Amino acid sequence: MVAAMRLPRFDWSAPETLAAACAALAAAPTQTRVLAGGTDLLVKLKHSNPRSPGAEPAPQQLLSLSLLPELRGVSTQPDGSLRIGALCTMAELADHQLLLLLYPALAEGASVVGGPAIRNRATVGGNVVNARPCADTLPPLVVLGAHLQLHSLRGQRTIDVDGFVSGPGQTSIGRDEILTAITLPAPQPHSGSCYLKFTRRAAMEITVVGCAAFVRLDGSGATVEQARLCYTSVAPIPLRAPAAEALLIGHSPDAATLAAAALAAQQTAKPIDDHRAPAFLRSDVIAVLTQRALCTAVERARGAR
């Protein structure tokens, strides 16, 4: 008989202002964990084993952000950028009409996280900060040029999402900082994006390979002026493919160019073998998804949304 997994004991608080939340976190940064949707954190706590060598101690306090309205909602800013509250759920992002129209890669990434019950709880902020190698919103945010807004008692700072993750579960966020919002730059004309995910099942499955693509074309739609590719589940961190991006810039986005970029991306990634998929399968899928994601991004850039 398998013993039921139980949460360790902890204190719980839900500050009503961001300043109070920052103060509570600063008072005990190493003993406090920030709680958003909880779909990852609570599972980790149930599986935590304090007797395991090198295991991180269970937090003594969970700091819920649920009462902070400024961490919710999607809004257009005066400069044309889009602000996404860190507590926005995957379900909200997947169905948001502005994202579907202008930033479809992010809506597509959010739409394939877990199943409906998970998407109704899981937050984009949690997906970013947890920094799992299979996170589905990180690659879209990278190719879309997103920035993260971090708050603490020391003030606010803004950093690029590209480079934020340094390893599985490791990021450049300070222990006393709270991710409050994500900003996407104003949409560029003649640009398009796409996110595709490969799994063995249609839902409730960890990503085997995920590919996000962004392209910006010239006014005629004949030449690629800007390109970004980013992958999940093929490296410990969100993986860019600069060689593949370079093959696209300045060239016509025809079938031959997209195929060459897909091959370059395949050669960049060094996926591992694990119980979900062998490395050779991941390598083949990278090439296929890259070509398909780029093709869709180009079509969207030309107005075929």
Protein backbone atom coordinates (compact mmCIF):
# COMPACT_ATOMS: atom_id res chain seq x y z
CA MET A 1 0.00 0.00 0.00
CA VAL A 2 1.40 3.38 -1.05
CA ALA A 3 1.24 6.07 1.60
CA ALA A 4 -0.67 9.19 0.61
CA MET A 5 1.48 12.18 -0.21
CA ARG A 6 0.87 15.05 2.14
CA LEU A 7 1.89 18.66 2.07
CA PRO A 8 4.45 19.69 4.68
CA ARG A 9 3.37 22.15 7.33
CA PHE A 10 3.68 25.82 6.44
CA ASP A 11 2.19 29.22 7.25
CA TRP A 12 0.06 30.90 4.62
CA SER A 13 -0.53 34.59 4.03
CA ALA A 14 -2.23 36.66 1.34
CA PRO A 15 -1.18 40.32 1.48
CA GLU A 16 -3.64 42.85 0.08
CA THR A 17 -1.02 45.18 -1.44
CA LEU A 18 2.09 44.62 -3.52
CA ALA A 19 4.14 46.59 -1.01
CA ALA A 20 3.01 44.28 1.80
CA ALA A 21 3.82 41.23 -0.31
CA CYS A 22 7.32 42.52 -1.05
CA ALA A 23 7.84 43.27 2.64
CA ALA A 24 6.73 39.80 3.70
CA LEU A 25 9.03 38.18 1.16
CA ALA A 26 11.97 40.39 2.14
CA ALA A 27 11.50 39.46 5.81
CA ALA A 28 12.28 35.78 5.14
CA PRO A 29 13.31 35.30 1.50
CA THR A 30 14.93 31.88 1.98
CA GLN A 31 12.01 30.46 3.96
CA THR A 32 9.16 31.82 1.80
CA ARG A 33 7.83 30.68 -1.55
CA VAL A 34 5.51 32.79 -3.69
CA LEU A 35 2.24 31.09 -4.58
CA ALA A 36 0.38 31.94 -7.81
CA GLY A 37 -1.73 29.16 -9.35
CA GLY A 38 0.02 26.43 -7.38
CA THR A 39 -0.17 23.78 -10.11
CA ASP A 40 3.58 23.19 -9.95
CA LEU A 41 4.51 24.37 -6.46
CA LEU A 42 2.03 22.28 -4.51
CA VAL A 43 2.99 19.15 -6.44
CA LYS A 44 6.67 19.83 -5.70
CA LEU A 45 5.90 20.22 -2.01
CA LYS A 46 4.07 16.90 -1.93
CA HIS A 47 7.07 15.19 -3.51
CA SER A 48 9.67 16.98 -1.41
CA ASN A 49 11.83 14.72 0.72
CA PRO A 50 13.81 16.60 3.37
CA ARG A 51 16.02 13.53 3.89
CA SER A 52 17.30 13.58 0.30
CA PRO A 53 20.90 14.84 0.02
CA GLY A 54 20.99 18.38 -1.31
CA ALA A 55 17.20 18.73 -1.23
CA GLU A 56 15.92 22.27 -0.82
CA PRO A 57 14.21 22.72 2.55
CA ALA A 58 10.43 22.94 2.44
CA PRO A 59 9.29 26.56 2.80
CA GLN A 60 8.00 27.69 6.15
CA GLN A 61 5.59 30.14 4.52
CA LEU A 62 3.61 30.36 1.30
CA LEU A 63 2.94 33.91 0.14
CA SER A 64 -0.22 33.99 -1.96
CA LEU A 65 -0.57 36.71 -4.61
CA SER A 66 -4.27 36.06 -5.11
CA LEU A 67 -5.45 39.37 -3.58
CA LEU A 68 -3.31 41.63 -5.80
CA PRO A 69 -5.50 42.91 -8.68
CA GLU A 70 -2.56 44.71 -10.33
CA LEU A 71 -1.11 41.31 -11.19
CA ARG A 72 -4.14 40.42 -13.32
CA GLY A 73 -5.48 41.41 -16.71
CA VAL A 74 -4.17 42.18 -20.19
CA SER A 75 -3.97 45.82 -21.27
CA THR A 76 -2.54 47.90 -24.09
CA GLN A 77 -0.07 50.56 -22.91
CA PRO A 78 0.27 54.13 -24.28
CA ASP A 79 3.38 53.14 -26.27
CA GLY A 80 1.49 50.31 -27.99
CA SER A 81 3.05 47.52 -25.93
CA LEU A 82 0.91 44.89 -24.22
CA ARG A 83 1.02 44.34 -20.47
CA ILE A 84 0.12 40.88 -19.18
CA GLY A 85 -0.37 40.46 -15.45
CA ALA A 86 1.69 37.62 -13.98
CA LEU A 87 -1.47 36.04 -12.52
CA CYS A 88 -3.18 35.70 -15.90
CA THR A 89 -4.12 32.06 -16.35
CA MET A 90 -3.32 29.95 -19.37
CA ALA A 91 -7.02 29.74 -20.15
CA GLU A 92 -7.29 33.54 -20.22
CA LEU A 93 -4.31 33.88 -22.56
CA ALA A 94 -5.40 31.05 -24.85
CA ASP A 95 -8.75 32.74 -25.51
CA HIS A 96 -7.67 36.38 -25.47
CA GLN A 97 -8.68 37.94 -28.79
CA LEU A 98 -5.83 40.47 -28.87
CA LEU A 99 -3.24 37.75 -28.34
CA LEU A 100 -4.84 35.52 -30.94
CA LEU A 101 -4.69 38.36 -33.44
CA LEU A 102 -1.34 40.02 -32.72
CA TYR A 103 0.72 37.54 -30.65
CA PRO A 104 -0.65 34.12 -31.63
CA ALA A 105 2.45 32.19 -30.56
CA LEU A 106 1.79 33.03 -26.91
CA ALA A 107 -1.90 32.13 -27.15
CA GLU A 108 -0.95 28.84 -28.77
CA GLY A 109 1.64 28.09 -26.10
CA ALA A 110 -0.86 28.77 -23.33
CA SER A 111 -3.52 26.65 -25.04
CA VAL A 112 -1.46 23.44 -24.83
CA VAL A 113 -0.43 23.61 -21.15
CA GLY A 114 -1.91 20.59 -19.39
CA GLY A 115 -5.68 20.12 -19.66
CA PRO A 116 -8.59 22.51 -19.04
CA ALA A 117 -8.45 22.15 -15.25
CA ILE A 118 -4.74 23.00 -15.21
CA ARG A 119 -5.12 25.92 -17.63
CA ASN A 120 -7.81 27.43 -15.43
CA ARG A 121 -5.33 27.56 -12.51
CA ALA A 122 -1.83 27.73 -13.96
CA THR A 123 -0.46 31.25 -14.44
CA VAL A 124 1.92 32.63 -17.01
CA GLY A 125 4.06 34.09 -14.22
CA GLY A 126 4.40 30.71 -12.58
CA ASN A 127 5.31 29.06 -15.89
CA VAL A 128 8.09 31.60 -16.40
CA VAL A 129 9.53 31.60 -12.87
CA ASN A 130 9.37 27.83 -12.43
CA ALA A 131 11.63 27.60 -15.50
CA ARG A 132 10.92 24.00 -16.31
CA PRO A 133 12.76 22.76 -19.43
CA CYS A 134 9.37 21.86 -20.94
CA ALA A 135 7.63 25.22 -20.30
CA ASP A 136 5.31 26.07 -23.19
CA THR A 137 5.07 29.85 -22.77
CA LEU A 138 8.79 30.63 -22.47
CA PRO A 139 9.72 30.03 -26.15
CA PRO A 140 6.85 32.23 -27.43
CA LEU A 141 7.79 34.98 -24.99
CA VAL A 142 11.43 34.78 -26.12
CA VAL A 143 10.66 35.08 -29.84
CA LEU A 144 8.15 37.87 -29.19
CA GLY A 145 10.81 39.91 -27.38
CA ALA A 146 9.03 39.99 -24.02
CA HIS A 147 10.29 41.76 -20.89
CA LEU A 148 9.66 40.87 -17.26
CA GLN A 149 8.76 43.36 -14.55
CA LEU A 150 10.17 42.40 -11.15
CA HIS A 151 9.27 44.13 -7.88
CA SER A 152 10.89 44.12 -4.44
CA LEU A 153 11.39 46.54 -1.56
CA ARG A 154 14.45 47.73 -3.47
CA GLY A 155 12.22 48.92 -6.30
CA GLN A 156 11.28 47.74 -9.78
CA ARG A 157 13.47 46.42 -12.55
CA THR A 158 12.75 45.24 -16.07
CA ILE A 159 14.73 42.46 -17.76
CA ASP A 160 14.57 40.51 -21.01
CA VAL A 161 12.93 37.11 -20.84
CA ASP A 162 15.65 35.87 -23.21
CA GLY A 163 18.45 34.85 -20.87
CA PHE A 164 16.26 34.91 -17.76
CA VAL A 165 16.50 31.13 -17.36
CA SER A 166 19.98 29.81 -16.53
CA GLY A 167 19.12 26.17 -15.87
CA PRO A 168 16.24 23.86 -14.91
CA GLY A 169 14.36 25.77 -12.22
CA GLN A 170 17.09 28.43 -12.13
CA THR A 171 16.50 32.06 -13.11
CA SER A 172 17.93 35.51 -12.48
CA ILE A 173 15.02 36.55 -10.23
CA GLY A 174 16.13 37.55 -6.74
CA ARG A 175 14.81 35.67 -3.73
CA ASP A 176 13.14 38.89 -2.58
CA GLU A 177 11.58 39.70 -5.97
CA ILE A 178 8.09 39.09 -7.32
CA LEU A 179 7.29 38.83 -11.02
CA THR A 180 4.36 41.20 -11.47
CA ALA A 181 3.91 41.55 -15.22
CA ILE A 182 5.16 40.62 -18.66
CA THR A 183 5.28 43.20 -21.44
CA LEU A 184 5.26 42.48 -25.15
CA PRO A 185 6.54 45.15 -27.55
CA ALA A 186 4.08 46.85 -29.86
CA PRO A 187 3.26 44.55 -32.78
CA GLN A 188 5.45 45.16 -35.82
CA PRO A 189 3.92 45.46 -39.29
CA HIS A 190 4.32 42.48 -41.60
CA SER A 191 5.17 40.17 -38.70
CA GLY A 192 3.81 36.82 -37.60
CA SER A 193 4.45 34.17 -34.98
CA CYS A 194 3.56 30.56 -34.23
CA TYR A 195 4.07 27.92 -31.55
CA LEU A 196 3.81 24.20 -32.22
CA LYS A 197 4.13 21.39 -29.71
CA PHE A 198 4.74 17.69 -30.25
CA THR A 199 3.57 15.14 -27.67
CA ARG A 200 2.47 11.53 -27.71
CA ARG A 201 -1.00 12.48 -26.42
CA ALA A 202 -3.29 15.39 -27.22
CA ALA A 203 -3.51 16.72 -23.65
CA MET A 204 -2.07 16.39 -20.14
CA GLU A 205 1.31 15.47 -21.61
CA ILE A 206 4.71 17.05 -21.06
CA THR A 207 6.15 18.52 -24.24
CA VAL A 208 8.52 16.32 -26.22
CA VAL A 209 9.51 19.21 -28.50
CA GLY A 210 8.08 22.72 -28.69
CA CYS A 211 9.01 25.28 -31.35
CA ALA A 212 8.22 29.01 -31.39
CA ALA A 213 8.86 31.06 -34.53
CA PHE A 214 8.69 34.77 -35.25
CA VAL A 215 9.32 36.48 -38.59
CA ARG A 216 9.06 40.05 -39.85
CA LEU A 217 8.93 40.60 -43.61
CA ASP A 218 9.58 43.63 -45.73
CA GLY A 219 6.64 45.63 -47.07
CA SER A 220 6.28 43.42 -50.13
CA GLY A 221 6.41 40.21 -48.14
CA ALA A 222 9.27 38.96 -50.30
CA THR A 223 12.17 39.10 -47.83
CA VAL A 224 12.69 38.17 -44.19
CA GLU A 225 13.96 41.18 -42.23
CA GLN A 226 13.89 39.62 -38.76
CA ALA A 227 13.60 36.06 -37.47
CA ARG A 228 13.66 34.32 -34.11
CA LEU A 229 13.39 30.64 -33.23
CA CYS A 230 13.22 29.16 -29.75
CA TYR A 231 12.68 25.60 -28.52
CA THR A 232 11.59 23.84 -25.36
CA SER A 233 12.27 20.29 -24.14
CA VAL A 234 15.45 19.99 -26.23
CA ALA A 235 17.85 21.65 -23.78
CA PRO A 236 17.98 22.59 -20.07
CA ILE A 237 16.93 26.15 -20.99
CA PRO A 238 14.86 27.72 -23.79
CA LEU A 239 17.12 27.20 -26.81
CA ARG A 240 17.64 29.82 -29.51
CA ALA A 241 18.88 28.80 -32.97
CA PRO A 242 20.98 31.75 -34.20
CA ALA A 243 22.42 29.90 -37.20
CA ALA A 244 18.94 29.07 -38.44
CA GLU A 245 17.78 32.65 -37.85
CA ALA A 246 20.73 33.98 -39.85
CA LEU A 247 19.82 31.77 -42.81
CA LEU A 248 16.39 33.40 -42.95
CA ILE A 249 17.31 37.09 -42.65
CA GLY A 250 17.72 38.80 -46.00
CA HIS A 251 16.29 35.89 -47.95
CA SER A 252 12.96 34.97 -49.48
CA PRO A 253 10.88 32.80 -47.13
CA ASP A 254 10.45 30.11 -49.78
CA ALA A 255 10.37 26.37 -49.19
CA ALA A 256 14.10 25.94 -49.77
CA THR A 257 15.02 28.67 -47.29
CA LEU A 258 12.68 27.33 -44.62
CA ALA A 259 14.07 23.81 -45.13
CA ALA A 260 17.64 25.08 -44.76
CA ALA A 261 16.71 26.90 -41.56
CA ALA A 262 15.03 23.77 -40.21
CA LEU A 263 18.16 21.73 -40.87
CA ALA A 264 20.33 24.34 -39.13
CA ALA A 265 18.03 24.32 -36.10
CA GLN A 266 18.17 20.53 -36.00
CA GLN A 267 21.97 20.69 -35.93
CA THR A 268 21.96 23.32 -33.17
CA ALA A 269 19.91 21.28 -30.71
CA LYS A 270 21.49 18.42 -28.78
CA PRO A 271 18.45 16.66 -27.30
CA ILE A 272 18.80 13.88 -24.78
CA ASP A 273 17.33 10.39 -24.56
CA ASP A 274 14.75 9.96 -21.83
CA HIS A 275 11.63 7.93 -21.10
CA ARG A 276 9.47 10.32 -23.17
CA ALA A 277 11.42 10.18 -26.42
CA PRO A 278 14.81 9.13 -27.80
CA ALA A 279 17.18 11.84 -28.98
CA PHE A 280 16.89 10.86 -32.66
CA LEU A 281 13.10 11.31 -32.55
CA ARG A 282 13.41 14.74 -30.93
CA SER A 283 15.99 15.71 -33.55
CA ASP A 284 13.68 14.72 -36.42
CA VAL A 285 10.73 16.49 -34.80
CA ILE A 286 12.74 19.71 -34.44
CA ALA A 287 13.21 19.87 -38.21
CA VAL A 288 9.55 19.17 -38.93
CA LEU A 289 8.16 21.62 -36.37
CA THR A 290 10.59 24.35 -37.41
CA GLN A 291 9.49 24.19 -41.02
CA ARG A 292 5.81 24.13 -40.10
CA ALA A 293 6.05 26.91 -37.52
CA LEU A 294 8.01 29.14 -39.90
CA CYS A 295 5.54 28.52 -42.70
CA THR A 296 2.62 29.52 -40.47
CA ALA A 297 4.47 32.57 -39.16
CA VAL A 298 5.20 33.72 -42.72
CA GLU A 299 1.56 33.25 -43.72
CA ARG A 300 0.47 35.31 -40.74
CA ALA A 301 3.03 37.98 -41.54
CA ARG A 302 1.50 38.23 -45.00
CA GLY A 303 -1.94 38.67 -43.48
CA ALA A 304 -3.25 35.10 -43.62
CA ARG A 305 -4.12 34.92 -39.92
